[in-house]
Every structure is written in structure tokens, then in C-alpha cells.
């Protein structure tokens, strides 16, 4: 991940703080992304039910490993 992120920063002209802010924003969006729950409980549509366990697990993992994820993108 680090070599890819480094190459991306150089090619796109993105600074480390900008990339750290982007990582934070994606993490925050994952924490606040309730579309699957809205479909299920508001729309009574269960098609997204199989997606929920992986999505919620990713949010938990990313929160637990936040510093490592951020370092992978900005280090």
C-alpha cells in the first residue's frame, strides 16, 4: 500500500496532510453510512442484508486500525 500511495501522492500532487484528511473522511463516511439499515427498516427491502456484516466489520476494523491505515496511506 505504501508504494502505491507514495506514487499517487507524487503523480497527483497531493500532500500527506491532504491524504490523511481523505483517509479520515472515508473512515467517517463508513461510520455514518446507514443506507443498508434504511433499506431494511424504512423501505422494508432486505436485498442489502447480506452486505451488512462485512460493512459493519470493516467499520470496526478500520476504527481499531485507524493509525495503521492512515500511516499506510501517508507514510
PDB file of N, CA and C in Angstrom:
ATOM      1  N   UNK A   1       0.805  -1.185   0.000  1.00  0.00           N
ATOM      2  CA  UNK A   1       0.000   0.000   0.000  1.00  0.00           C
ATOM      3  C   UNK A   1       0.856   1.260   0.000  1.00  0.00           C
ATOM      4  N   UNK A   2       1.917   1.227   0.781  1.00  0.00           N
ATOM      5  CA  UNK A   2       2.752   2.434   0.883  1.00  0.00           C
ATOM      6  C   UNK A   2       3.345   2.866  -0.454  1.00  0.00           C
ATOM      7  N   UNK A   3       3.922   1.934  -1.244  1.00  0.00           N
ATOM      8  CA  UNK A   3       4.461   2.365  -2.546  1.00  0.00           C
ATOM      9  C   UNK A   3       3.387   2.947  -3.465  1.00  0.00           C
ATOM     10  N   UNK A   4       2.201   2.351  -3.466  1.00  0.00           N
ATOM     11  CA  UNK A   4       1.107   2.871  -4.297  1.00  0.00           C
ATOM     12  C   UNK A   4       0.719   4.277  -3.837  1.00  0.00           C
ATOM     13  N   UNK A   5       0.536   4.444  -2.534  1.00  0.00           N
ATOM     14  CA  UNK A   5       0.133   5.748  -2.008  1.00  0.00           C
ATOM     15  C   UNK A   5       1.198   6.806  -2.277  1.00  0.00           C
ATOM     16  N   UNK A   6       2.460   6.423  -2.133  1.00  0.00           N
ATOM     17  CA  UNK A   6       3.554   7.362  -2.405  1.00  0.00           C
ATOM     18  C   UNK A   6       3.532   7.783  -3.876  1.00  0.00           C
ATOM     19  N   UNK A   7       3.381   6.817  -4.766  1.00  0.00           N
ATOM     20  CA  UNK A   7       3.325   7.131  -6.201  1.00  0.00           C
ATOM     21  C   UNK A   7       2.112   7.997  -6.518  1.00  0.00           C
ATOM     22  N   UNK A   8       0.983   7.703  -5.893  1.00  0.00           N
ATOM     23  CA  UNK A   8      -0.227   8.511  -6.109  1.00  0.00           C
ATOM     24  C   UNK A   8       0.003   9.948  -5.661  1.00  0.00           C
ATOM     25  N   UNK A   9       0.589  10.121  -4.475  1.00  0.00           N
ATOM     26  CA  UNK A   9       0.854  11.471  -3.974  1.00  0.00           C
ATOM     27  C   UNK A   9       1.730  12.253  -4.944  1.00  0.00           C
ATOM     28  N   UNK A  10       2.767  11.596  -5.457  1.00  0.00           N
ATOM     29  CA  UNK A  10       3.676  12.274  -6.392  1.00  0.00           C
ATOM     30  C   UNK A  10       2.984  12.610  -7.707  1.00  0.00           C
ATOM     31  N   UNK A  11       2.238  11.649  -8.248  1.00  0.00           N
ATOM     32  CA  UNK A  11       1.583  11.860  -9.541  1.00  0.00           C
ATOM     33  C   UNK A  11       0.457  12.886  -9.462  1.00  0.00           C
ATOM     34  N   UNK A  12      -0.284  12.867  -8.365  1.00  0.00           N
ATOM     35  CA  UNK A  12      -1.442  13.755  -8.233  1.00  0.00           C
ATOM     36  C   UNK A  12      -1.102  15.087  -7.566  1.00  0.00           C
ATOM     37  N   UNK A  13       0.094  15.179  -7.008  1.00  0.00           N
ATOM     38  CA  UNK A  13       0.469  16.407  -6.323  1.00  0.00           C
ATOM     39  C   UNK A  13      -0.290  16.607  -5.019  1.00  0.00           C
ATOM     40  N   UNK A  14      -0.606  15.504  -4.356  1.00  0.00           N
ATOM     41  CA  UNK A  14      -1.350  15.537  -3.102  1.00  0.00           C
ATOM     42  C   UNK A  14      -0.365  15.486  -1.939  1.00  0.00           C
ATOM     43  N   UNK A  15      -0.581  16.321  -0.960  1.00  0.00           N
ATOM     44  CA  UNK A  15       0.299  16.330   0.208  1.00  0.00           C
ATOM     45  C   UNK A  15      -0.123  15.247   1.206  1.00  0.00           C
ATOM     46  N   UNK A  16       0.775  14.918   2.104  1.00  0.00           N
ATOM     47  CA  UNK A  16       0.448  13.937   3.158  1.00  0.00           C
ATOM     48  C   UNK A  16      -0.740  14.393   4.002  1.00  0.00           C
ATOM     49  N   UNK A  17      -0.774  15.662   4.433  1.00  0.00           N
ATOM     50  CA  UNK A  17      -1.942  16.095   5.214  1.00  0.00           C
ATOM     51  C   UNK A  17      -3.260  15.985   4.432  1.00  0.00           C
ATOM     52  N   UNK A  18      -3.220  16.264   3.132  1.00  0.00           N
ATOM     53  CA  UNK A  18      -4.437  16.127   2.321  1.00  0.00           C
ATOM     54  C   UNK A  18      -4.877  14.669   2.246  1.00  0.00           C
ATOM     55  N   UNK A  19      -3.918  13.778   2.080  1.00  0.00           N
ATOM     56  CA  UNK A  19      -4.258  12.357   2.012  1.00  0.00           C
ATOM     57  C   UNK A  19      -4.737  11.853   3.366  1.00  0.00           C
ATOM     58  N   UNK A  20      -4.144  12.333   4.449  1.00  0.00           N
ATOM     59  CA  UNK A  20      -4.615  11.963   5.787  1.00  0.00           C
ATOM     60  C   UNK A  20      -6.048  12.433   6.001  1.00  0.00           C
ATOM     61  N   UNK A  21      -6.365  13.619   5.512  1.00  0.00           N
ATOM     62  CA  UNK A  21      -7.737  14.122   5.617  1.00  0.00           C
ATOM     63  C   UNK A  21      -8.699  13.266   4.794  1.00  0.00           C
ATOM     64  N   UNK A  22      -8.250  12.801   3.630  1.00  0.00           N
ATOM     65  CA  UNK A  22      -9.091  11.934   2.801  1.00  0.00           C
ATOM     66  C   UNK A  22      -9.342  10.591   3.487  1.00  0.00           C
ATOM     67  N   UNK A  23      -8.310  10.024   4.091  1.00  0.00           N
ATOM     68  CA  UNK A  23      -8.468   8.772   4.835  1.00  0.00           C
ATOM     69  C   UNK A  23      -9.475   8.970   5.962  1.00  0.00           C
ATOM     70  N   UNK A  24      -9.347  10.068   6.676  1.00  0.00           N
ATOM     71  CA  UNK A  24     -10.267  10.353   7.775  1.00  0.00           C
ATOM     72  C   UNK A  24     -11.706  10.501   7.271  1.00  0.00           C
ATOM     73  N   UNK A  25     -11.852  11.178   6.157  1.00  0.00           N
ATOM     74  CA  UNK A  25     -13.199  11.379   5.612  1.00  0.00           C
ATOM     75  C   UNK A  25     -13.840  10.062   5.210  1.00  0.00           C
ATOM     76  N   UNK A  26     -13.096   9.179   4.552  1.00  0.00           N
ATOM     77  CA  UNK A  26     -13.650   7.881   4.156  1.00  0.00           C
ATOM     78  C   UNK A  26     -14.023   7.063   5.392  1.00  0.00           C
ATOM     79  N   UNK A  27     -13.156   7.101   6.414  1.00  0.00           N
ATOM     80  CA  UNK A  27     -13.471   6.401   7.667  1.00  0.00           C
ATOM     81  C   UNK A  27     -14.764   6.958   8.273  1.00  0.00           C
ATOM     82  N   UNK A  28     -14.875   8.277   8.330  1.00  0.00           N
ATOM     83  CA  UNK A  28     -16.052   8.913   8.900  1.00  0.00           C
ATOM     84  C   UNK A  28     -17.306   8.563   8.097  1.00  0.00           C
ATOM     85  N   UNK A  29     -17.202   8.559   6.792  1.00  0.00           N
ATOM     86  CA  UNK A  29     -18.342   8.188   5.950  1.00  0.00           C
ATOM     87  C   UNK A  29     -18.771   6.748   6.199  1.00  0.00           C
ATOM     88  N   UNK A  30     -17.811   5.844   6.383  1.00  0.00           N
ATOM     89  CA  UNK A  30     -18.151   4.445   6.674  1.00  0.00           C
ATOM     90  C   UNK A  30     -18.878   4.325   8.008  1.00  0.00           C
ATOM     91  N   UNK A  31     -18.459   5.130   8.987  1.00  0.00           N
ATOM     92  CA  UNK A  31     -19.121   5.088  10.293  1.00  0.00           C
ATOM     93  C   UNK A  31     -20.554   5.604  10.228  1.00  0.00           C
ATOM     94  N   UNK A  32     -20.834   6.489   9.304  1.00  0.00           N
ATOM     95  CA  UNK A  32     -22.136   7.136   9.213  1.00  0.00           C
ATOM     96  C   UNK A  32     -22.951   6.689   8.011  1.00  0.00           C
ATOM     97  N   UNK A  33     -22.568   5.600   7.408  1.00  0.00           N
ATOM     98  CA  UNK A  33     -23.253   5.108   6.220  1.00  0.00           C
ATOM     99  C   UNK A  33     -24.324   4.089   6.640  1.00  0.00           C
ATOM    100  N   UNK A  34     -25.540   4.541   6.709  1.00  0.00           N
ATOM    101  CA  UNK A  34     -26.630   3.703   7.187  1.00  0.00           C
ATOM    102  C   UNK A  34     -27.589   3.269   6.085  1.00  0.00           C
ATOM    103  N   UNK A  35     -27.160   3.352   4.825  1.00  0.00           N
ATOM    104  CA  UNK A  35     -28.106   3.066   3.747  1.00  0.00           C
ATOM    105  C   UNK A  35     -28.677   1.659   3.841  1.00  0.00           C
ATOM    106  N   UNK A  36     -27.867   0.693   4.259  1.00  0.00           N
ATOM    107  CA  UNK A  36     -28.363  -0.688   4.353  1.00  0.00           C
ATOM    108  C   UNK A  36     -29.448  -0.809   5.421  1.00  0.00           C
ATOM    109  N   UNK A  37     -29.254  -0.112   6.529  1.00  0.00           N
ATOM    110  CA  UNK A  37     -30.263  -0.142   7.586  1.00  0.00           C
ATOM    111  C   UNK A  37     -31.527   0.606   7.159  1.00  0.00           C
ATOM    112  N   UNK A  38     -31.346   1.703   6.443  1.00  0.00           N
ATOM    113  CA  UNK A  38     -32.520   2.431   5.930  1.00  0.00           C
ATOM    114  C   UNK A  38     -33.311   1.567   4.968  1.00  0.00           C
ATOM    115  N   UNK A  39     -32.622   0.881   4.055  1.00  0.00           N
ATOM    116  CA  UNK A  39     -33.329  -0.006   3.128  1.00  0.00           C
ATOM    117  C   UNK A  39     -34.140  -1.039   3.894  1.00  0.00           C
ATOM    118  N   UNK A  40     -33.486  -1.649   4.890  1.00  0.00           N
ATOM    119  CA  UNK A  40     -34.144  -2.753   5.604  1.00  0.00           C
ATOM    120  C   UNK A  40     -35.320  -2.273   6.442  1.00  0.00           C
ATOM    121  N   UNK A  41     -35.116  -1.242   7.239  1.00  0.00           N
ATOM    122  CA  UNK A  41     -36.126  -0.861   8.221  1.00  0.00           C
ATOM    123  C   UNK A  41     -37.093   0.220   7.744  1.00  0.00           C
ATOM    124  N   UNK A  42     -36.652   1.116   6.895  1.00  0.00           N
ATOM    125  CA  UNK A  42     -37.553   2.151   6.397  1.00  0.00           C
ATOM    126  C   UNK A  42     -38.260   1.723   5.117  1.00  0.00           C
ATOM    127  N   UNK A  43     -37.504   1.080   4.239  1.00  0.00           N
ATOM    128  CA  UNK A  43     -38.070   0.664   2.951  1.00  0.00           C
ATOM    129  C   UNK A  43     -38.588  -0.770   2.969  1.00  0.00           C
ATOM    130  N   UNK A  44     -38.277  -1.483   4.042  1.00  0.00           N
ATOM    131  CA  UNK A  44     -38.652  -2.898   4.169  1.00  0.00           C
ATOM    132  C   UNK A  44     -38.120  -3.727   2.993  1.00  0.00           C
ATOM    133  N   UNK A  45     -36.894  -3.389   2.611  1.00  0.00           N
ATOM    134  CA  UNK A  45     -36.221  -4.048   1.490  1.00  0.00           C
ATOM    135  C   UNK A  45     -35.015  -4.790   2.058  1.00  0.00           C
ATOM    136  N   UNK A  46     -35.023  -6.086   1.972  1.00  0.00           N
ATOM    137  CA  UNK A  46     -33.978  -6.900   2.597  1.00  0.00           C
ATOM    138  C   UNK A  46     -32.842  -7.287   1.646  1.00  0.00           C
ATOM    139  N   UNK A  47     -32.816  -6.735   0.444  1.00  0.00           N
ATOM    140  CA  UNK A  47     -31.778  -7.130  -0.518  1.00  0.00           C
ATOM    141  C   UNK A  47     -30.370  -6.815  -0.043  1.00  0.00           C
ATOM    142  N   UNK A  48     -30.199  -5.805   0.781  1.00  0.00           N
ATOM    143  CA  UNK A  48     -28.851  -5.445   1.230  1.00  0.00           C
ATOM    144  C   UNK A  48     -28.432  -6.179   2.504  1.00  0.00           C
ATOM    145  N   UNK A  49     -29.300  -6.983   3.073  1.00  0.00           N
ATOM    146  CA  UNK A  49     -28.969  -7.693   4.318  1.00  0.00           C
ATOM    147  C   UNK A  49     -27.648  -8.457   4.252  1.00  0.00           C
ATOM    148  N   UNK A  50     -27.361  -9.173   3.167  1.00  0.00           N
ATOM    149  CA  UNK A  50     -26.088  -9.918   3.130  1.00  0.00           C
ATOM    150  C   UNK A  50     -24.844  -9.019   3.147  1.00  0.00           C
ATOM    151  N   UNK A  51     -24.990  -7.756   2.789  1.00  0.00           N
ATOM    152  CA  UNK A  51     -23.853  -6.839   2.754  1.00  0.00           C
ATOM    153  C   UNK A  51     -23.507  -6.270   4.121  1.00  0.00           C
ATOM    154  N   UNK A  52     -24.464  -6.261   5.022  1.00  0.00           N
ATOM    155  CA  UNK A  52     -24.280  -5.567   6.296  1.00  0.00           C
ATOM    156  C   UNK A  52     -23.166  -6.143   7.176  1.00  0.00           C
ATOM    157  N   UNK A  53     -23.056  -7.453   7.346  1.00  0.00           N
ATOM    158  CA  UNK A  53     -21.983  -7.957   8.231  1.00  0.00           C
ATOM    159  C   UNK A  53     -20.590  -7.508   7.801  1.00  0.00           C
ATOM    160  N   UNK A  54     -20.283  -7.581   6.525  1.00  0.00           N
ATOM    161  CA  UNK A  54     -18.950  -7.178   6.064  1.00  0.00           C
ATOM    162  C   UNK A  54     -18.748  -5.673   6.209  1.00  0.00           C
ATOM    163  N   UNK A  55     -19.767  -4.910   5.904  1.00  0.00           N
ATOM    164  CA  UNK A  55     -19.657  -3.459   6.015  1.00  0.00           C
ATOM    165  C   UNK A  55     -19.453  -3.018   7.461  1.00  0.00           C
ATOM    166  N   UNK A  56     -20.206  -3.592   8.371  1.00  0.00           N
ATOM    167  CA  UNK A  56     -20.053  -3.218   9.774  1.00  0.00           C
ATOM    168  C   UNK A  56     -18.716  -3.720  10.327  1.00  0.00           C
ATOM    169  N   UNK A  57     -18.275  -4.891   9.889  1.00  0.00           N
ATOM    170  CA  UNK A  57     -16.978  -5.402  10.330  1.00  0.00           C
ATOM    171  C   UNK A  57     -15.849  -4.507   9.832  1.00  0.00           C
ATOM    172  N   UNK A  58     -15.961  -3.999   8.621  1.00  0.00           N
ATOM    173  CA  UNK A  58     -14.939  -3.092   8.090  1.00  0.00           C
ATOM    174  C   UNK A  58     -14.870  -1.821   8.920  1.00  0.00           C
ATOM    175  N   UNK A  59     -16.001  -1.278   9.307  1.00  0.00           N
ATOM    176  CA  UNK A  59     -16.012  -0.068  10.133  1.00  0.00           C
ATOM    177  C   UNK A  59     -15.335  -0.326  11.480  1.00  0.00           C
ATOM    178  N   UNK A  60     -15.610  -1.471  12.067  1.00  0.00           N
ATOM    179  CA  UNK A  60     -14.982  -1.824  13.356  1.00  0.00           C
ATOM    180  C   UNK A  60     -13.475  -1.998  13.169  1.00  0.00           C
ATOM    181  N   UNK A  61     -13.085  -2.752  12.137  1.00  0.00           N
ATOM    182  CA  UNK A  61     -11.662  -2.982  11.895  1.00  0.00           C
ATOM    183  C   UNK A  61     -10.934  -1.674  11.637  1.00  0.00           C
ATOM    184  N   UNK A  62     -11.500  -0.826  10.760  1.00  0.00           N
ATOM    185  CA  UNK A  62     -10.850   0.428  10.392  1.00  0.00           C
ATOM    186  C   UNK A  62     -10.696   1.328  11.625  1.00  0.00           C
ATOM    187  N   UNK A  63     -11.695   1.340  12.490  1.00  0.00           N
ATOM    188  CA  UNK A  63     -11.606   2.137  13.709  1.00  0.00           C
ATOM    189  C   UNK A  63     -10.493   1.609  14.606  1.00  0.00           C
ATOM    190  N   UNK A  64     -10.424   0.305  14.740  1.00  0.00           N
ATOM    191  CA  UNK A  64      -9.386  -0.314  15.577  1.00  0.00           C
ATOM    192  C   UNK A  64      -7.994  -0.067  14.992  1.00  0.00           C
ATOM    193  N   UNK A  65      -7.873  -0.092  13.691  1.00  0.00           N
ATOM    194  CA  UNK A  65      -6.577   0.028  12.999  1.00  0.00           C
ATOM    195  C   UNK A  65      -6.385   1.393  12.339  1.00  0.00           C
ATOM    196  N   UNK A  66      -7.082   2.388  12.845  1.00  0.00           N
ATOM    197  CA  UNK A  66      -7.081   3.708  12.204  1.00  0.00           C
ATOM    198  C   UNK A  66      -5.670   4.246  11.977  1.00  0.00           C
ATOM    199  N   UNK A  67      -4.848   4.201  12.995  1.00  0.00           N
ATOM    200  CA  UNK A  67      -3.482   4.739  12.876  1.00  0.00           C
ATOM    201  C   UNK A  67      -2.684   3.988  11.812  1.00  0.00           C
ATOM    202  N   UNK A  68      -2.806   2.674  11.762  1.00  0.00           N
ATOM    203  CA  UNK A  68      -2.076   1.875  10.766  1.00  0.00           C
ATOM    204  C   UNK A  68      -2.572   2.173   9.355  1.00  0.00           C
ATOM    205  N   UNK A  69      -3.866   2.327   9.199  1.00  0.00           N
ATOM    206  CA  UNK A  69      -4.428   2.653   7.876  1.00  0.00           C
ATOM    207  C   UNK A  69      -3.940   4.027   7.435  1.00  0.00           C
ATOM    208  N   UNK A  70      -4.016   4.979   8.325  1.00  0.00           N
ATOM    209  CA  UNK A  70      -3.548   6.324   7.995  1.00  0.00           C
ATOM    210  C   UNK A  70      -2.061   6.324   7.637  1.00  0.00           C
ATOM    211  N   UNK A  71      -1.264   5.606   8.408  1.00  0.00           N
ATOM    212  CA  UNK A  71       0.170   5.505   8.132  1.00  0.00           C
ATOM    213  C   UNK A  71       0.452   4.827   6.790  1.00  0.00           C
ATOM    214  N   UNK A  72      -0.348   3.834   6.447  1.00  0.00           N
ATOM    215  CA  UNK A  72      -0.169   3.141   5.167  1.00  0.00           C
ATOM    216  C   UNK A  72      -0.363   4.103   3.994  1.00  0.00           C
ATOM    217  N   UNK A  73      -1.283   5.030   4.140  1.00  0.00           N
ATOM    218  CA  UNK A  73      -1.552   5.975   3.056  1.00  0.00           C
ATOM    219  C   UNK A  73      -0.623   7.189   3.078  1.00  0.00           C
ATOM    220  N   UNK A  74      -0.149   7.548   4.241  1.00  0.00           N
ATOM    221  CA  UNK A  74       0.620   8.807   4.341  1.00  0.00           C
ATOM    222  C   UNK A  74       2.092   8.596   4.639  1.00  0.00           C
ATOM    223  N   UNK A  75       2.472   7.368   5.041  1.00  0.00           N
ATOM    224  CA  UNK A  75       3.854   7.110   5.442  1.00  0.00           C
ATOM    225  C   UNK A  75       4.839   7.017   4.321  1.00  0.00           C
TER     226      UNK A  75
END
